[in-house]
Amino acid sequence: MSQPHKHSSHPRISARLKRANGHLSAVIAMIADGRPCNDIAQQLQAVEKAITNAKRALIHDHIDHCLDPNDSDQAIDTKSFKDITRYL
């Protein structure tokens, strides 16, 4: 079994995603309550931005710590780099 893959940024990213999850729950409640579409769209934008920022932070962290060109034991694998950056 492989070791857990964790970085120091993961708790912050998890906190961002938990906030996004709370916003998404609020959006669902807003729809159920019949709130105006502009209000719902604004909250959906906030959810989308929170998730995008969390994803970006995760990818940047991966590039910084898992694809470190200064680590002589680990040359940057172009395929791995391309694989992760496609999610940006």
PDB file of N, CA and C in Angstrom:
ATOM      1  N   MET A   1       0.856  -1.179   0.000  1.00  0.00           N
ATOM      2  CA  MET A   1       0.000   0.000   0.000  1.00  0.00           C
ATOM      3  C   MET A   1       0.900   1.240   0.000  1.00  0.00           C
ATOM      4  N   SER A   2       0.543   2.240  -0.761  1.00  0.00           N
ATOM      5  CA  SER A   2       1.374   3.440  -0.872  1.00  0.00           C
ATOM      6  C   SER A   2       1.153   4.377   0.307  1.00  0.00           C
ATOM      7  N   GLN A   3       2.142   5.243   0.525  1.00  0.00           N
ATOM      8  CA  GLN A   3       2.073   6.244   1.592  1.00  0.00           C
ATOM      9  C   GLN A   3       1.042   7.310   1.221  1.00  0.00           C
ATOM     10  N   PRO A   4       0.406   7.907   2.227  1.00  0.00           N
ATOM     11  CA  PRO A   4      -0.496   9.034   1.927  1.00  0.00           C
ATOM     12  C   PRO A   4       0.298  10.176   1.293  1.00  0.00           C
ATOM     13  N   HIS A   5      -0.298  10.808   0.318  1.00  0.00           N
ATOM     14  CA  HIS A   5       0.359  11.905  -0.411  1.00  0.00           C
ATOM     15  C   HIS A   5      -0.178  13.208   0.156  1.00  0.00           C
ATOM     16  N   LYS A   6       0.602  13.847   1.032  1.00  0.00           N
ATOM     17  CA  LYS A   6       0.138  15.071   1.680  1.00  0.00           C
ATOM     18  C   LYS A   6       1.187  16.162   1.563  1.00  0.00           C
ATOM     19  N   HIS A   7       0.698  17.380   1.467  1.00  0.00           N
ATOM     20  CA  HIS A   7       1.548  18.576   1.441  1.00  0.00           C
ATOM     21  C   HIS A   7       1.072  19.514   2.533  1.00  0.00           C
ATOM     22  N   SER A   8       1.923  20.443   2.908  1.00  0.00           N
ATOM     23  CA  SER A   8       1.545  21.403   3.953  1.00  0.00           C
ATOM     24  C   SER A   8       0.364  22.276   3.525  1.00  0.00           C
ATOM     25  N   SER A   9       0.154  22.417   2.221  1.00  0.00           N
ATOM     26  CA  SER A   9      -0.954  23.247   1.724  1.00  0.00           C
ATOM     27  C   SER A   9      -2.300  22.520   1.764  1.00  0.00           C
ATOM     28  N   HIS A  10      -2.315  21.221   1.918  1.00  0.00           N
ATOM     29  CA  HIS A  10      -3.567  20.463   1.845  1.00  0.00           C
ATOM     30  C   HIS A  10      -4.613  20.906   2.871  1.00  0.00           C
ATOM     31  N   PRO A  11      -4.246  21.197   4.130  1.00  0.00           N
ATOM     32  CA  PRO A  11      -5.289  21.680   5.055  1.00  0.00           C
ATOM     33  C   PRO A  11      -5.930  22.995   4.595  1.00  0.00           C
ATOM     34  N   ARG A  12      -5.126  23.900   4.040  1.00  0.00           N
ATOM     35  CA  ARG A  12      -5.690  25.173   3.539  1.00  0.00           C
ATOM     36  C   ARG A  12      -6.596  24.910   2.339  1.00  0.00           C
ATOM     37  N   ILE A  13      -6.189  24.026   1.470  1.00  0.00           N
ATOM     38  CA  ILE A  13      -7.012  23.698   0.302  1.00  0.00           C
ATOM     39  C   ILE A  13      -8.301  23.027   0.749  1.00  0.00           C
ATOM     40  N   SER A  14      -8.194  22.141   1.716  1.00  0.00           N
ATOM     41  CA  SER A  14      -9.389  21.482   2.252  1.00  0.00           C
ATOM     42  C   SER A  14     -10.341  22.504   2.874  1.00  0.00           C
ATOM     43  N   ALA A  15      -9.798  23.486   3.585  1.00  0.00           N
ATOM     44  CA  ALA A  15     -10.635  24.533   4.179  1.00  0.00           C
ATOM     45  C   ALA A  15     -11.348  25.327   3.094  1.00  0.00           C
ATOM     46  N   ARG A  16     -10.652  25.637   2.009  1.00  0.00           N
ATOM     47  CA  ARG A  16     -11.291  26.355   0.890  1.00  0.00           C
ATOM     48  C   ARG A  16     -12.439  25.541   0.315  1.00  0.00           C
ATOM     49  N   LEU A  17     -12.203  24.253   0.146  1.00  0.00           N
ATOM     50  CA  LEU A  17     -13.239  23.396  -0.431  1.00  0.00           C
ATOM     51  C   LEU A  17     -14.432  23.236   0.514  1.00  0.00           C
ATOM     52  N   LYS A  18     -14.178  23.220   1.804  1.00  0.00           N
ATOM     53  CA  LYS A  18     -15.283  23.147   2.771  1.00  0.00           C
ATOM     54  C   LYS A  18     -16.130  24.413   2.704  1.00  0.00           C
ATOM     55  N   ARG A  19     -15.466  25.573   2.537  1.00  0.00           N
ATOM     56  CA  ARG A  19     -16.220  26.829   2.382  1.00  0.00           C
ATOM     57  C   ARG A  19     -17.043  26.776   1.099  1.00  0.00           C
ATOM     58  N   ALA A  20     -16.437  26.291   0.026  1.00  0.00           N
ATOM     59  CA  ALA A  20     -17.164  26.182  -1.243  1.00  0.00           C
ATOM     60  C   ALA A  20     -18.359  25.255  -1.091  1.00  0.00           C
ATOM     61  N   ASN A  21     -18.170  24.186  -0.350  1.00  0.00           N
ATOM     62  CA  ASN A  21     -19.262  23.248  -0.106  1.00  0.00           C
ATOM     63  C   ASN A  21     -20.396  23.931   0.655  1.00  0.00           C
ATOM     64  N   GLY A  22     -20.051  24.761   1.626  1.00  0.00           N
ATOM     65  CA  GLY A  22     -21.068  25.518   2.362  1.00  0.00           C
ATOM     66  C   GLY A  22     -21.818  26.474   1.450  1.00  0.00           C
ATOM     67  N   HIS A  23     -21.080  27.151   0.571  1.00  0.00           N
ATOM     68  CA  HIS A  23     -21.721  28.057  -0.390  1.00  0.00           C
ATOM     69  C   HIS A  23     -22.645  27.282  -1.330  1.00  0.00           C
ATOM     70  N   LEU A  24     -22.197  26.109  -1.762  1.00  0.00           N
ATOM     71  CA  LEU A  24     -23.015  25.309  -2.662  1.00  0.00           C
ATOM     72  C   LEU A  24     -24.301  24.859  -1.970  1.00  0.00           C
ATOM     73  N   SER A  25     -24.191  24.476  -0.711  1.00  0.00           N
ATOM     74  CA  SER A  25     -25.396  24.117   0.051  1.00  0.00           C
ATOM     75  C   SER A  25     -26.345  25.303   0.145  1.00  0.00           C
ATOM     76  N   ALA A  26     -25.779  26.497   0.324  1.00  0.00           N
ATOM     77  CA  ALA A  26     -26.611  27.705   0.380  1.00  0.00           C
ATOM     78  C   ALA A  26     -27.308  27.944  -0.955  1.00  0.00           C
ATOM     79  N   VAL A  27     -26.612  27.688  -2.056  1.00  0.00           N
ATOM     80  CA  VAL A  27     -27.212  27.858  -3.382  1.00  0.00           C
ATOM     81  C   VAL A  27     -28.400  26.906  -3.543  1.00  0.00           C
ATOM     82  N   ILE A  28     -28.220  25.682  -3.120  1.00  0.00           N
ATOM     83  CA  ILE A  28     -29.308  24.696  -3.231  1.00  0.00           C
ATOM     84  C   ILE A  28     -30.512  25.159  -2.413  1.00  0.00           C
ATOM     85  N   ALA A  29     -30.250  25.678  -1.222  1.00  0.00           N
ATOM     86  CA  ALA A  29     -31.347  26.202  -0.385  1.00  0.00           C
ATOM     87  C   ALA A  29     -32.000  27.415  -1.038  1.00  0.00           C
ATOM     88  N   MET A  30     -31.195  28.264  -1.667  1.00  0.00           N
ATOM     89  CA  MET A  30     -31.735  29.446  -2.344  1.00  0.00           C
ATOM     90  C   MET A  30     -32.685  29.039  -3.464  1.00  0.00           C
ATOM     91  N   ILE A  31     -32.313  28.011  -4.193  1.00  0.00           N
ATOM     92  CA  ILE A  31     -33.171  27.524  -5.282  1.00  0.00           C
ATOM     93  C   ILE A  31     -34.476  26.985  -4.697  1.00  0.00           C
ATOM     94  N   ALA A  32     -34.354  26.188  -3.640  1.00  0.00           N
ATOM     95  CA  ALA A  32     -35.551  25.621  -2.998  1.00  0.00           C
ATOM     96  C   ALA A  32     -36.459  26.714  -2.447  1.00  0.00           C
ATOM     97  N   ASP A  33     -35.861  27.819  -1.984  1.00  0.00           N
ATOM     98  CA  ASP A  33     -36.630  28.927  -1.413  1.00  0.00           C
ATOM     99  C   ASP A  33     -37.174  29.884  -2.465  1.00  0.00           C
ATOM    100  N   GLY A  34     -36.822  29.656  -3.717  1.00  0.00           N
ATOM    101  CA  GLY A  34     -37.325  30.511  -4.785  1.00  0.00           C
ATOM    102  C   GLY A  34     -36.674  31.879  -4.827  1.00  0.00           C
ATOM    103  N   ARG A  35     -35.409  31.963  -4.426  1.00  0.00           N
ATOM    104  CA  ARG A  35     -34.690  33.240  -4.439  1.00  0.00           C
ATOM    105  C   ARG A  35     -34.465  33.702  -5.881  1.00  0.00           C
ATOM    106  N   PRO A  36     -34.252  34.988  -6.085  1.00  0.00           N
ATOM    107  CA  PRO A  36     -34.044  35.530  -7.435  1.00  0.00           C
ATOM    108  C   PRO A  36     -32.825  34.904  -8.126  1.00  0.00           C
ATOM    109  N   CYS A  37     -32.952  34.730  -9.425  1.00  0.00           N
ATOM    110  CA  CYS A  37     -31.890  34.092 -10.215  1.00  0.00           C
ATOM    111  C   CYS A  37     -30.570  34.857 -10.138  1.00  0.00           C
ATOM    112  N   ASN A  38     -30.635  36.198 -10.078  1.00  0.00           N
ATOM    113  CA  ASN A  38     -29.387  36.967  -9.981  1.00  0.00           C
ATOM    114  C   ASN A  38     -28.638  36.631  -8.696  1.00  0.00           C
ATOM    115  N   ASP A  39     -29.354  36.478  -7.585  1.00  0.00           N
ATOM    116  CA  ASP A  39     -28.728  36.121  -6.316  1.00  0.00           C
ATOM    117  C   ASP A  39     -28.090  34.732  -6.389  1.00  0.00           C
ATOM    118  N   ILE A  40     -28.822  33.820  -6.995  1.00  0.00           N
ATOM    119  CA  ILE A  40     -28.328  32.441  -7.131  1.00  0.00           C
ATOM    120  C   ILE A  40     -27.090  32.413  -8.029  1.00  0.00           C
ATOM    121  N   ALA A  41     -27.148  33.127  -9.136  1.00  0.00           N
ATOM    122  CA  ALA A  41     -26.003  33.162 -10.056  1.00  0.00           C
ATOM    123  C   ALA A  41     -24.775  33.752  -9.378  1.00  0.00           C
ATOM    124  N   GLN A  42     -24.977  34.776  -8.558  1.00  0.00           N
ATOM    125  CA  GLN A  42     -23.857  35.391  -7.834  1.00  0.00           C
ATOM    126  C   GLN A  42     -23.220  34.376  -6.881  1.00  0.00           C
ATOM    127  N   GLN A  43     -24.032  33.629  -6.181  1.00  0.00           N
ATOM    128  CA  GLN A  43     -23.496  32.626  -5.263  1.00  0.00           C
ATOM    129  C   GLN A  43     -22.821  31.481  -6.014  1.00  0.00           C
ATOM    130  N   LEU A  44     -23.380  31.099  -7.148  1.00  0.00           N
ATOM    131  CA  LEU A  44     -22.737  30.064  -7.966  1.00  0.00           C
ATOM    132  C   LEU A  44     -21.367  30.530  -8.462  1.00  0.00           C
ATOM    133  N   GLN A  45     -21.277  31.812  -8.797  1.00  0.00           N
ATOM    134  CA  GLN A  45     -19.993  32.381  -9.206  1.00  0.00           C
ATOM    135  C   GLN A  45     -18.983  32.262  -8.065  1.00  0.00           C
ATOM    136  N   ALA A  46     -19.426  32.530  -6.846  1.00  0.00           N
ATOM    137  CA  ALA A  46     -18.541  32.423  -5.685  1.00  0.00           C
ATOM    138  C   ALA A  46     -18.078  30.982  -5.479  1.00  0.00           C
ATOM    139  N   VAL A  47     -18.978  30.020  -5.660  1.00  0.00           N
ATOM    140  CA  VAL A  47     -18.623  28.605  -5.537  1.00  0.00           C
ATOM    141  C   VAL A  47     -17.593  28.240  -6.601  1.00  0.00           C
ATOM    142  N   GLU A  48     -17.858  28.648  -7.823  1.00  0.00           N
ATOM    143  CA  GLU A  48     -16.952  28.334  -8.929  1.00  0.00           C
ATOM    144  C   GLU A  48     -15.564  28.931  -8.687  1.00  0.00           C
ATOM    145  N   LYS A  49     -15.517  30.163  -8.238  1.00  0.00           N
ATOM    146  CA  LYS A  49     -14.235  30.820  -7.986  1.00  0.00           C
ATOM    147  C   LYS A  49     -13.481  30.122  -6.857  1.00  0.00           C
ATOM    148  N   ALA A  50     -14.187  29.748  -5.801  1.00  0.00           N
ATOM    149  CA  ALA A  50     -13.545  29.057  -4.678  1.00  0.00           C
ATOM    150  C   ALA A  50     -12.940  27.731  -5.112  1.00  0.00           C
ATOM    151  N   ILE A  51     -13.664  26.989  -5.927  1.00  0.00           N
ATOM    152  CA  ILE A  51     -13.160  25.703  -6.406  1.00  0.00           C
ATOM    153  C   ILE A  51     -11.982  25.912  -7.350  1.00  0.00           C
ATOM    154  N   THR A  52     -12.089  26.888  -8.235  1.00  0.00           N
ATOM    155  CA  THR A  52     -10.991  27.194  -9.162  1.00  0.00           C
ATOM    156  C   THR A  52      -9.725  27.574  -8.394  1.00  0.00           C
ATOM    157  N   ASN A  53      -9.867  28.402  -7.368  1.00  0.00           N
ATOM    158  CA  ASN A  53      -8.705  28.811  -6.576  1.00  0.00           C
ATOM    159  C   ASN A  53      -8.102  27.638  -5.817  1.00  0.00           C
ATOM    160  N   ALA A  54      -8.936  26.755  -5.295  1.00  0.00           N
ATOM    161  CA  ALA A  54      -8.436  25.569  -4.598  1.00  0.00           C
ATOM    162  C   ALA A  54      -7.692  24.660  -5.571  1.00  0.00           C
ATOM    163  N   LYS A  55      -8.253  24.485  -6.753  1.00  0.00           N
ATOM    164  CA  LYS A  55      -7.603  23.641  -7.765  1.00  0.00           C
ATOM    165  C   LYS A  55      -6.266  24.233  -8.172  1.00  0.00           C
ATOM    166  N   ARG A  56      -6.235  25.518  -8.403  1.00  0.00           N
ATOM    167  CA  ARG A  56      -4.998  26.188  -8.800  1.00  0.00           C
ATOM    168  C   ARG A  56      -3.928  26.037  -7.720  1.00  0.00           C
ATOM    169  N   ALA A  57      -4.319  26.233  -6.462  1.00  0.00           N
ATOM    170  CA  ALA A  57      -3.367  26.102  -5.353  1.00  0.00           C
ATOM    171  C   ALA A  57      -2.814  24.679  -5.283  1.00  0.00           C
ATOM    172  N   LEU A  58      -3.673  23.685  -5.473  1.00  0.00           N
ATOM    173  CA  LEU A  58      -3.234  22.290  -5.452  1.00  0.00           C
ATOM    174  C   LEU A  58      -2.254  22.009  -6.581  1.00  0.00           C
ATOM    175  N   ILE A  59      -2.561  22.483  -7.771  1.00  0.00           N
ATOM    176  CA  ILE A  59      -1.691  22.234  -8.925  1.00  0.00           C
ATOM    177  C   ILE A  59      -0.363  22.956  -8.760  1.00  0.00           C
ATOM    178  N   HIS A  60      -0.396  24.204  -8.310  1.00  0.00           N
ATOM    179  CA  HIS A  60       0.855  24.944  -8.101  1.00  0.00           C
ATOM    180  C   HIS A  60       1.705  24.269  -7.037  1.00  0.00           C
ATOM    181  N   ASP A  61       1.064  23.789  -5.983  1.00  0.00           N
ATOM    182  CA  ASP A  61       1.788  23.088  -4.932  1.00  0.00           C
ATOM    183  C   ASP A  61       2.423  21.811  -5.486  1.00  0.00           C
ATOM    184  N   HIS A  62       1.685  21.106  -6.302  1.00  0.00           N
ATOM    185  CA  HIS A  62       2.212  19.882  -6.909  1.00  0.00           C
ATOM    186  C   HIS A  62       3.445  20.204  -7.767  1.00  0.00           C
ATOM    187  N   ILE A  63       3.339  21.242  -8.566  1.00  0.00           N
ATOM    188  CA  ILE A  63       4.463  21.633  -9.418  1.00  0.00           C
ATOM    189  C   ILE A  63       5.666  22.027  -8.560  1.00  0.00           C
ATOM    190  N   ASP A  64       5.420  22.785  -7.493  1.00  0.00           N
ATOM    191  CA  ASP A  64       6.506  23.247  -6.626  1.00  0.00           C
ATOM    192  C   ASP A  64       7.180  22.115  -5.858  1.00  0.00           C
ATOM    193  N   HIS A  65       6.412  21.122  -5.431  1.00  0.00           N
ATOM    194  CA  HIS A  65       6.966  20.108  -4.539  1.00  0.00           C
ATOM    195  C   HIS A  65       7.157  18.733  -5.160  1.00  0.00           C
ATOM    196  N   CYS A  66       6.425  18.425  -6.185  1.00  0.00           N
ATOM    197  CA  CYS A  66       6.531  17.087  -6.776  1.00  0.00           C
ATOM    198  C   CYS A  66       7.306  17.092  -8.088  1.00  0.00           C
ATOM    199  N   LEU A  67       7.455  18.252  -8.686  1.00  0.00           N
ATOM    200  CA  LEU A  67       8.175  18.347  -9.952  1.00  0.00           C
ATOM    201  C   LEU A  67       9.340  19.330  -9.816  1.00  0.00           C
ATOM    202  N   ASP A  68      10.044  19.264  -8.708  1.00  0.00           N
ATOM    203  CA  ASP A  68      11.111  20.203  -8.387  1.00  0.00           C
ATOM    204  C   ASP A  68      12.344  19.959  -9.265  1.00  0.00           C
ATOM    205  N   PRO A  69      12.703  20.899 -10.156  1.00  0.00           N
ATOM    206  CA  PRO A  69      13.861  20.703 -11.032  1.00  0.00           C
ATOM    207  C   PRO A  69      15.181  20.767 -10.262  1.00  0.00           C
ATOM    208  N   ASN A  70      15.165  21.282  -9.032  1.00  0.00           N
ATOM    209  CA  ASN A  70      16.386  21.366  -8.233  1.00  0.00           C
ATOM    210  C   ASN A  70      16.672  20.082  -7.467  1.00  0.00           C
ATOM    211  N   ASP A  71      15.727  19.156  -7.503  1.00  0.00           N
ATOM    212  CA  ASP A  71      15.903  17.876  -6.827  1.00  0.00           C
ATOM    213  C   ASP A  71      16.640  16.944  -7.784  1.00  0.00           C
ATOM    214  N   SER A  72      17.897  16.661  -7.481  1.00  0.00           N
ATOM    215  CA  SER A  72      18.712  15.856  -8.391  1.00  0.00           C
ATOM    216  C   SER A  72      18.193  14.430  -8.524  1.00  0.00           C
ATOM    217  N   ASP A  73      17.425  13.975  -7.540  1.00  0.00           N
ATOM    218  CA  ASP A  73      16.867  12.620  -7.613  1.00  0.00           C
ATOM    219  C   ASP A  73      15.623  12.549  -8.478  1.00  0.00           C
ATOM    220  N   GLN A  74      15.112  13.708  -8.860  1.00  0.00           N
ATOM    221  CA  GLN A  74      13.846  13.712  -9.592  1.00  0.00           C
ATOM    222  C   GLN A  74      13.881  14.762 -10.695  1.00  0.00           C
ATOM    223  N   ALA A  75      14.178  14.328 -11.887  1.00  0.00           N
ATOM    224  CA  ALA A  75      14.127  15.239 -13.027  1.00  0.00           C
ATOM    225  C   ALA A  75      12.657  15.459 -13.384  1.00  0.00           C
ATOM    226  N   ILE A  76      12.354  16.644 -13.894  1.00  0.00           N
ATOM    227  CA  ILE A  76      10.964  16.919 -14.277  1.00  0.00           C
ATOM    228  C   ILE A  76      10.597  16.015 -15.455  1.00  0.00           C
ATOM    229  N   ASP A  77       9.552  15.279 -15.247  1.00  0.00           N
ATOM    230  CA  ASP A  77       9.007  14.410 -16.277  1.00  0.00           C
ATOM    231  C   ASP A  77       8.002  15.241 -17.074  1.00  0.00           C
ATOM    232  N   THR A  78       8.309  15.481 -18.341  1.00  0.00           N
ATOM    233  CA  THR A  78       7.452  16.347 -19.159  1.00  0.00           C
ATOM    234  C   THR A  78       6.024  15.830 -19.221  1.00  0.00           C
ATOM    235  N   LYS A  79       5.858  14.534 -19.294  1.00  0.00           N
ATOM    236  CA  LYS A  79       4.506  13.978 -19.350  1.00  0.00           C
ATOM    237  C   LYS A  79       3.744  14.287 -18.059  1.00  0.00           C
ATOM    238  N   SER A  80       4.391  14.117 -16.902  1.00  0.00           N
ATOM    239  CA  SER A  80       3.732  14.430 -15.623  1.00  0.00           C
ATOM    240  C   SER A  80       3.367  15.903 -15.556  1.00  0.00           C
ATOM    241  N   PHE A  81       4.267  16.763 -16.039  1.00  0.00           N
ATOM    242  CA  PHE A  81       4.011  18.197 -16.025  1.00  0.00           C
ATOM    243  C   PHE A  81       2.808  18.528 -16.907  1.00  0.00           C
ATOM    244  N   LYS A  82       2.780  17.971 -18.102  1.00  0.00           N
ATOM    245  CA  LYS A  82       1.655  18.211 -19.014  1.00  0.00           C
ATOM    246  C   LYS A  82       0.357  17.640 -18.440  1.00  0.00           C
ATOM    247  N   ASP A  83       0.468  16.481 -17.819  1.00  0.00           N
ATOM    248  CA  ASP A  83      -0.730  15.866 -17.240  1.00  0.00           C
ATOM    249  C   ASP A  83      -1.388  16.759 -16.190  1.00  0.00           C
ATOM    250  N   ILE A  84      -0.587  17.338 -15.309  1.00  0.00           N
ATOM    251  CA  ILE A  84      -1.157  18.163 -14.238  1.00  0.00           C
ATOM    252  C   ILE A  84      -1.603  19.525 -14.739  1.00  0.00           C
ATOM    253  N   THR A  85      -0.877  20.110 -15.682  1.00  0.00           N
ATOM    254  CA  THR A  85      -1.237  21.465 -16.144  1.00  0.00           C
ATOM    255  C   THR A  85      -2.483  21.479 -17.022  1.00  0.00           C
ATOM    256  N   ARG A  86      -2.898  20.367 -17.513  1.00  0.00           N
ATOM    257  CA  ARG A  86      -4.137  20.368 -18.322  1.00  0.00           C
ATOM    258  C   ARG A  86      -5.347  20.725 -17.481  1.00  0.00           C
ATOM    259  N   TYR A  87      -5.218  20.626 -16.162  1.00  0.00           N
ATOM    260  CA  TYR A  87      -6.332  20.962 -15.270  1.00  0.00           C
ATOM    261  C   TYR A  87      -6.395  22.446 -14.911  1.00  0.00           C
ATOM    262  N   LEU A  88      -5.382  23.215 -15.314  1.00  0.00           N
ATOM    263  CA  LEU A  88      -5.401  24.640 -15.011  1.00  0.00           C
ATOM    264  C   LEU A  88      -6.476  25.367 -15.790  1.00  0.00           C
TER     265      LEU A  88
END
